[in-house]
Amino acid sequence: MPNTPSFREELISQIPALQLLMGLGYEYLTPDDALAKRGGKFRNVILEDVLLNWLRGVPSAAWEYRLGTYSALEWVLERYKEKKPKDPTIAEKFNTYRFADYKEAVIKLLGRVCAVSVKTMEIISEMQIDPFFNCSE
């Protein structure tokens, strides 16, 4: 009898991925633990306490660089969060955005925005000017 390969996803991709991540120092969460960290919401892809801990580690200068009324980081987070349209027809037919589809790109973007924000605030500090200075006045 020939040796038939397994096509069970948990065996061919999920378990090896978990083993790799745990080897890199990530903590395994059981499905129940992950659900609890999501506040009991199945659709909530971000583990909010993990995100908040990461955000607490962001230098304060990254939060000081403003794009209008938001810090650059707040602006990115606001633009990429999932929102449900109020109109039920639009929500049903056109609401295809899922943060999970863009998660890795957003994480990279946040890192870049953080670095640019910190560097910009350093430059402003070195120039010793008011960051809200208006040249037209």
N, C-alpha and C. Protein backbone atom coordinates (compact mmCIF):
# COMPACT_ATOMS: atom_id res chain seq x y z
N MET A 1 0.84 -1.18 0.00
CA MET A 1 0.00 0.00 0.00
C MET A 1 0.89 1.24 0.00
N PRO A 2 0.65 2.19 -0.92
CA PRO A 2 1.50 3.39 -0.98
C PRO A 2 1.28 4.29 0.23
N ASN A 3 2.33 5.01 0.55
CA ASN A 3 2.28 5.96 1.67
C ASN A 3 1.62 7.24 1.17
N THR A 4 0.37 7.48 1.56
CA THR A 4 -0.39 8.65 1.12
C THR A 4 -0.09 9.82 2.04
N PRO A 5 0.31 10.97 1.47
CA PRO A 5 0.59 12.14 2.32
C PRO A 5 -0.69 12.68 2.96
N SER A 6 -0.51 13.30 4.11
CA SER A 6 -1.64 13.89 4.82
C SER A 6 -1.95 15.26 4.24
N PHE A 7 -3.22 15.55 4.13
CA PHE A 7 -3.65 16.86 3.68
C PHE A 7 -4.39 17.60 4.79
N ARG A 8 -4.23 17.14 6.03
CA ARG A 8 -4.85 17.82 7.16
C ARG A 8 -4.04 19.07 7.49
N GLU A 9 -4.71 20.22 7.43
CA GLU A 9 -4.01 21.50 7.59
C GLU A 9 -3.25 21.60 8.90
N GLU A 10 -3.85 21.12 9.99
CA GLU A 10 -3.17 21.26 11.28
C GLU A 10 -1.85 20.49 11.31
N LEU A 11 -1.76 19.40 10.55
CA LEU A 11 -0.53 18.61 10.53
C LEU A 11 0.51 19.18 9.58
N ILE A 12 0.09 19.70 8.44
CA ILE A 12 1.06 20.14 7.44
C ILE A 12 1.46 21.61 7.55
N SER A 13 0.66 22.42 8.25
CA SER A 13 1.05 23.83 8.34
C SER A 13 0.91 24.43 9.73
N GLN A 14 -0.19 24.18 10.42
CA GLN A 14 -0.42 24.86 11.69
C GLN A 14 0.55 24.42 12.78
N ILE A 15 0.69 23.13 12.97
CA ILE A 15 1.58 22.65 14.04
C ILE A 15 3.03 23.04 13.77
N PRO A 16 3.56 22.83 12.54
CA PRO A 16 4.94 23.29 12.29
C PRO A 16 5.12 24.80 12.50
N ALA A 17 4.12 25.60 12.12
CA ALA A 17 4.21 27.05 12.33
C ALA A 17 4.24 27.37 13.82
N LEU A 18 3.39 26.71 14.60
CA LEU A 18 3.39 26.93 16.05
C LEU A 18 4.73 26.53 16.66
N GLN A 19 5.28 25.41 16.23
CA GLN A 19 6.57 24.97 16.76
C GLN A 19 7.67 25.98 16.44
N LEU A 20 7.65 26.52 15.23
CA LEU A 20 8.64 27.52 14.83
C LEU A 20 8.50 28.77 15.69
N LEU A 21 7.28 29.27 15.83
CA LEU A 21 7.06 30.49 16.61
C LEU A 21 7.43 30.29 18.08
N MET A 22 7.10 29.14 18.64
CA MET A 22 7.47 28.88 20.03
C MET A 22 8.99 28.80 20.18
N GLY A 23 9.66 28.26 19.16
CA GLY A 23 11.12 28.22 19.17
C GLY A 23 11.74 29.60 19.11
N LEU A 24 11.00 30.57 18.55
CA LEU A 24 11.47 31.95 18.47
C LEU A 24 11.13 32.75 19.73
N GLY A 25 10.45 32.09 20.69
CA GLY A 25 10.15 32.75 21.95
C GLY A 25 8.72 33.20 22.13
N TYR A 26 7.86 32.94 21.14
CA TYR A 26 6.45 33.30 21.27
C TYR A 26 5.75 32.32 22.21
N GLU A 27 4.77 32.81 22.92
CA GLU A 27 4.01 31.98 23.86
C GLU A 27 2.79 31.39 23.17
N TYR A 28 2.59 30.09 23.31
CA TYR A 28 1.43 29.43 22.74
C TYR A 28 0.20 29.73 23.60
N LEU A 29 -0.88 30.10 22.95
CA LEU A 29 -2.16 30.31 23.63
C LEU A 29 -3.12 29.24 23.15
N THR A 30 -3.79 28.62 24.09
CA THR A 30 -4.83 27.67 23.70
C THR A 30 -5.97 28.47 23.07
N PRO A 31 -6.83 27.82 22.30
CA PRO A 31 -7.96 28.56 21.73
C PRO A 31 -8.79 29.27 22.81
N ASP A 32 -8.98 28.64 23.97
CA ASP A 32 -9.73 29.28 25.05
C ASP A 32 -9.00 30.51 25.59
N ASP A 33 -7.67 30.41 25.73
CA ASP A 33 -6.88 31.56 26.21
C ASP A 33 -6.94 32.71 25.20
N ALA A 34 -6.83 32.38 23.92
CA ALA A 34 -6.88 33.42 22.88
C ALA A 34 -8.24 34.11 22.87
N LEU A 35 -9.30 33.32 23.02
CA LEU A 35 -10.64 33.90 23.05
C LEU A 35 -10.81 34.83 24.25
N ALA A 36 -10.28 34.41 25.39
CA ALA A 36 -10.35 35.25 26.59
C ALA A 36 -9.58 36.56 26.38
N LYS A 37 -8.40 36.48 25.75
CA LYS A 37 -7.62 37.68 25.50
C LYS A 37 -8.26 38.59 24.46
N ARG A 38 -9.15 38.04 23.65
CA ARG A 38 -9.90 38.85 22.68
C ARG A 38 -11.17 39.42 23.30
N GLY A 39 -11.34 39.24 24.58
CA GLY A 39 -12.53 39.76 25.24
C GLY A 39 -13.77 38.97 24.87
N GLY A 40 -13.61 37.69 24.52
CA GLY A 40 -14.74 36.84 24.17
C GLY A 40 -15.28 37.07 22.77
N LYS A 41 -14.59 37.88 21.98
CA LYS A 41 -15.07 38.19 20.62
C LYS A 41 -14.32 37.32 19.62
N PHE A 42 -15.06 36.54 18.85
CA PHE A 42 -14.45 35.67 17.86
C PHE A 42 -13.84 36.46 16.70
N ARG A 43 -14.41 37.59 16.34
CA ARG A 43 -13.94 38.35 15.19
C ARG A 43 -12.81 39.29 15.52
N ASN A 44 -12.48 39.46 16.77
CA ASN A 44 -11.44 40.40 17.17
C ASN A 44 -10.08 39.75 16.95
N VAL A 45 -9.39 40.15 15.89
CA VAL A 45 -8.13 39.49 15.54
C VAL A 45 -6.95 39.98 16.35
N ILE A 46 -7.03 41.19 16.88
CA ILE A 46 -5.92 41.71 17.67
C ILE A 46 -6.12 41.32 19.13
N LEU A 47 -5.11 40.78 19.74
CA LEU A 47 -5.14 40.52 21.17
C LEU A 47 -4.81 41.86 21.83
N GLU A 48 -5.84 42.55 22.32
CA GLU A 48 -5.70 43.94 22.73
C GLU A 48 -4.66 44.14 23.82
N ASP A 49 -4.55 43.22 24.78
CA ASP A 49 -3.55 43.42 25.83
C ASP A 49 -2.14 43.28 25.27
N VAL A 50 -1.95 42.42 24.27
CA VAL A 50 -0.64 42.28 23.63
C VAL A 50 -0.31 43.56 22.86
N LEU A 51 -1.29 44.08 22.14
CA LEU A 51 -1.10 45.33 21.40
C LEU A 51 -0.81 46.48 22.35
N LEU A 52 -1.56 46.58 23.44
CA LEU A 52 -1.35 47.67 24.39
C LEU A 52 0.04 47.59 25.01
N ASN A 53 0.51 46.38 25.33
CA ASN A 53 1.86 46.24 25.87
C ASN A 53 2.90 46.70 24.86
N TRP A 54 2.70 46.37 23.57
CA TRP A 54 3.62 46.81 22.53
C TRP A 54 3.58 48.33 22.43
N LEU A 55 2.38 48.89 22.43
CA LEU A 55 2.25 50.34 22.30
C LEU A 55 2.85 51.08 23.48
N ARG A 56 2.79 50.48 24.67
CA ARG A 56 3.40 51.12 25.85
C ARG A 56 4.91 51.20 25.70
N GLY A 57 5.49 50.29 24.91
CA GLY A 57 6.94 50.29 24.69
C GLY A 57 7.40 51.26 23.62
N VAL A 58 6.47 51.89 22.94
CA VAL A 58 6.80 52.85 21.89
C VAL A 58 7.31 54.14 22.56
N PRO A 59 8.41 54.69 22.06
CA PRO A 59 8.93 55.92 22.67
C PRO A 59 7.89 57.05 22.65
N SER A 60 7.90 57.86 23.68
CA SER A 60 6.91 58.93 23.79
C SER A 60 7.02 59.91 22.62
N ALA A 61 8.21 60.08 22.07
CA ALA A 61 8.38 61.00 20.94
C ALA A 61 7.55 60.56 19.73
N ALA A 62 7.33 59.25 19.60
CA ALA A 62 6.52 58.76 18.48
C ALA A 62 5.07 59.22 18.60
N TRP A 63 4.61 59.39 19.82
CA TRP A 63 3.23 59.86 20.04
C TRP A 63 3.13 61.37 19.92
N GLU A 64 4.26 62.07 20.05
CA GLU A 64 4.25 63.54 20.01
C GLU A 64 4.16 64.08 18.60
N TYR A 65 4.66 63.33 17.61
CA TYR A 65 4.60 63.79 16.22
C TYR A 65 3.16 63.72 15.76
N ARG A 66 2.59 64.87 15.40
CA ARG A 66 1.16 64.97 15.10
C ARG A 66 0.89 65.17 13.62
N LEU A 67 -0.19 64.56 13.17
CA LEU A 67 -0.76 64.80 11.84
C LEU A 67 -2.13 65.39 12.11
N GLY A 68 -2.19 66.69 12.24
CA GLY A 68 -3.44 67.33 12.62
C GLY A 68 -3.70 67.08 14.10
N THR A 69 -4.82 66.46 14.42
CA THR A 69 -5.18 66.23 15.81
C THR A 69 -4.72 64.88 16.34
N TYR A 70 -4.24 64.01 15.45
CA TYR A 70 -3.79 62.66 15.86
C TYR A 70 -2.28 62.57 15.79
N SER A 71 -1.72 61.69 16.63
CA SER A 71 -0.32 61.33 16.41
C SER A 71 -0.31 60.48 15.15
N ALA A 72 0.85 60.37 14.52
CA ALA A 72 0.95 59.58 13.29
C ALA A 72 0.55 58.12 13.56
N LEU A 73 0.93 57.59 14.72
CA LEU A 73 0.57 56.22 15.07
C LEU A 73 -0.94 56.07 15.24
N GLU A 74 -1.55 57.03 15.93
CA GLU A 74 -3.01 56.98 16.10
C GLU A 74 -3.72 57.05 14.75
N TRP A 75 -3.17 57.84 13.84
CA TRP A 75 -3.77 57.99 12.52
C TRP A 75 -3.77 56.65 11.80
N VAL A 76 -2.65 55.95 11.83
CA VAL A 76 -2.56 54.63 11.16
C VAL A 76 -3.53 53.65 11.82
N LEU A 77 -3.54 53.59 13.14
CA LEU A 77 -4.43 52.66 13.83
C LEU A 77 -5.89 52.95 13.53
N GLU A 78 -6.26 54.21 13.47
CA GLU A 78 -7.64 54.59 13.18
C GLU A 78 -8.03 54.19 11.75
N ARG A 79 -7.14 54.39 10.81
CA ARG A 79 -7.46 54.11 9.40
C ARG A 79 -7.58 52.62 9.11
N TYR A 80 -6.83 51.79 9.82
CA TYR A 80 -6.82 50.36 9.52
C TYR A 80 -7.74 49.51 10.38
N LYS A 81 -8.40 50.10 11.37
CA LYS A 81 -9.27 49.28 12.21
C LYS A 81 -10.53 48.90 11.45
N GLU A 82 -11.09 47.76 11.82
CA GLU A 82 -12.32 47.31 11.18
C GLU A 82 -13.49 48.14 11.68
N LYS A 83 -14.31 48.59 10.75
CA LYS A 83 -15.51 49.34 11.09
C LYS A 83 -16.67 48.73 10.33
N LYS A 84 -17.79 48.60 10.97
CA LYS A 84 -18.97 48.07 10.30
C LYS A 84 -19.82 49.24 9.81
N PRO A 85 -20.11 49.28 8.50
CA PRO A 85 -20.98 50.35 7.99
C PRO A 85 -22.35 50.30 8.65
N LYS A 86 -22.93 51.47 8.88
CA LYS A 86 -24.24 51.52 9.53
C LYS A 86 -25.36 51.04 8.62
N ASP A 87 -25.23 51.30 7.34
CA ASP A 87 -26.25 50.87 6.38
C ASP A 87 -26.16 49.36 6.19
N PRO A 88 -27.24 48.61 6.47
CA PRO A 88 -27.19 47.15 6.39
C PRO A 88 -26.89 46.62 4.99
N THR A 89 -27.35 47.30 3.95
CA THR A 89 -27.08 46.86 2.58
C THR A 89 -25.59 46.98 2.26
N ILE A 90 -25.02 48.11 2.63
CA ILE A 90 -23.58 48.30 2.40
C ILE A 90 -22.79 47.31 3.23
N ALA A 91 -23.18 47.11 4.48
CA ALA A 91 -22.49 46.17 5.35
C ALA A 91 -22.52 44.76 4.77
N GLU A 92 -23.65 44.37 4.22
CA GLU A 92 -23.79 43.02 3.69
C GLU A 92 -23.06 42.82 2.37
N LYS A 93 -23.16 43.79 1.46
CA LYS A 93 -22.66 43.60 0.10
C LYS A 93 -21.25 44.13 -0.14
N PHE A 94 -20.84 45.14 0.60
CA PHE A 94 -19.58 45.80 0.27
C PHE A 94 -18.56 45.82 1.40
N ASN A 95 -18.89 45.30 2.55
CA ASN A 95 -17.97 45.34 3.68
C ASN A 95 -17.03 44.13 3.63
N THR A 96 -16.01 44.21 2.78
CA THR A 96 -15.10 43.08 2.60
C THR A 96 -13.77 43.27 3.31
N TYR A 97 -13.55 44.43 3.92
CA TYR A 97 -12.27 44.69 4.58
C TYR A 97 -12.15 43.87 5.86
N ARG A 98 -11.06 43.17 6.00
CA ARG A 98 -10.74 42.42 7.22
C ARG A 98 -9.31 42.78 7.61
N PHE A 99 -9.14 43.25 8.83
CA PHE A 99 -7.81 43.64 9.30
C PHE A 99 -6.83 42.48 9.16
N ALA A 100 -7.30 41.27 9.41
CA ALA A 100 -6.42 40.10 9.35
C ALA A 100 -5.72 39.99 7.99
N ASP A 101 -6.37 40.47 6.93
CA ASP A 101 -5.77 40.41 5.60
C ASP A 101 -4.58 41.37 5.46
N TYR A 102 -4.49 42.37 6.32
CA TYR A 102 -3.46 43.40 6.21
C TYR A 102 -2.58 43.49 7.45
N LYS A 103 -2.78 42.58 8.39
CA LYS A 103 -2.13 42.65 9.69
C LYS A 103 -0.61 42.82 9.59
N GLU A 104 0.05 41.97 8.82
CA GLU A 104 1.51 42.03 8.74
C GLU A 104 1.98 43.37 8.15
N ALA A 105 1.29 43.84 7.12
CA ALA A 105 1.65 45.11 6.49
C ALA A 105 1.45 46.27 7.47
N VAL A 106 0.38 46.22 8.26
CA VAL A 106 0.11 47.30 9.22
C VAL A 106 1.16 47.28 10.33
N ILE A 107 1.57 46.12 10.77
CA ILE A 107 2.60 46.02 11.81
C ILE A 107 3.91 46.63 11.30
N LYS A 108 4.28 46.31 10.05
CA LYS A 108 5.49 46.91 9.46
C LYS A 108 5.33 48.42 9.33
N LEU A 109 4.15 48.85 8.90
CA LEU A 109 3.89 50.28 8.75
C LEU A 109 4.00 51.00 10.09
N LEU A 110 3.45 50.40 11.14
CA LEU A 110 3.54 51.02 12.47
C LEU A 110 5.00 51.17 12.91
N GLY A 111 5.81 50.16 12.63
CA GLY A 111 7.23 50.25 12.96
C GLY A 111 7.92 51.39 12.21
N ARG A 112 7.59 51.53 10.93
CA ARG A 112 8.18 52.60 10.12
C ARG A 112 7.69 53.97 10.58
N VAL A 113 6.40 54.08 10.84
CA VAL A 113 5.83 55.35 11.29
C VAL A 113 6.43 55.74 12.64
N CYS A 114 6.64 54.76 13.49
CA CYS A 114 7.26 55.02 14.80
C CYS A 114 8.67 55.57 14.60
N ALA A 115 9.46 54.93 13.73
CA ALA A 115 10.83 55.37 13.50
C ALA A 115 10.86 56.78 12.91
N VAL A 116 10.01 57.04 11.92
CA VAL A 116 9.97 58.36 11.29
C VAL A 116 9.51 59.42 12.29
N SER A 117 8.53 59.08 13.11
CA SER A 117 8.02 60.03 14.10
C SER A 117 9.10 60.41 15.10
N VAL A 118 9.82 59.41 15.60
CA VAL A 118 10.89 59.68 16.57
C VAL A 118 11.98 60.53 15.93
N LYS A 119 12.40 60.17 14.72
CA LYS A 119 13.45 60.93 14.03
C LYS A 119 12.99 62.37 13.76
N THR A 120 11.75 62.54 13.34
CA THR A 120 11.23 63.88 13.08
C THR A 120 11.24 64.72 14.35
N MET A 121 10.84 64.14 15.46
CA MET A 121 10.84 64.89 16.71
C MET A 121 12.27 65.22 17.15
N GLU A 122 13.23 64.33 16.86
CA GLU A 122 14.63 64.63 17.16
C GLU A 122 15.11 65.83 16.34
N ILE A 123 14.77 65.83 15.05
CA ILE A 123 15.18 66.94 14.17
C ILE A 123 14.55 68.24 14.65
N ILE A 124 13.27 68.21 14.99
CA ILE A 124 12.60 69.41 15.48
C ILE A 124 13.26 69.90 16.76
N SER A 125 13.61 68.96 17.63
CA SER A 125 14.27 69.34 18.89
C SER A 125 15.63 69.97 18.63
N GLU A 126 16.38 69.42 17.67
CA GLU A 126 17.70 69.96 17.34
C GLU A 126 17.58 71.35 16.72
N MET A 127 16.53 71.57 15.98
CA MET A 127 16.33 72.88 15.35
C MET A 127 15.85 73.91 16.37
N GLN A 128 15.37 73.44 17.49
CA GLN A 128 14.86 74.29 18.56
C GLN A 128 13.83 75.28 18.04
N ILE A 129 12.86 74.74 17.31
CA ILE A 129 11.76 75.58 16.85
C ILE A 129 10.46 75.00 17.37
N ASP A 130 9.46 75.83 17.35
CA ASP A 130 8.12 75.40 17.74
C ASP A 130 7.56 74.53 16.61
N PRO A 131 7.17 73.26 16.89
CA PRO A 131 6.66 72.39 15.83
C PRO A 131 5.35 72.90 15.24
N PHE A 132 4.69 73.83 15.89
CA PHE A 132 3.44 74.37 15.41
C PHE A 132 3.62 75.75 14.79
N PHE A 133 4.88 76.12 14.52
CA PHE A 133 5.20 77.41 13.94
C PHE A 133 4.56 77.53 12.56
N ASN A 134 3.94 78.65 12.30
CA ASN A 134 3.26 78.89 11.02
C ASN A 134 4.02 79.99 10.29
N CYS A 135 4.64 79.63 9.17
CA CYS A 135 5.45 80.58 8.40
C CYS A 135 4.63 81.69 7.80
N SER A 136 3.34 81.49 7.61
CA SER A 136 2.53 82.50 6.94
C SER A 136 2.08 83.62 7.87
N GLU A 137 2.32 83.48 9.16
CA GLU A 137 1.87 84.52 10.10
C GLU A 137 2.82 85.68 10.12
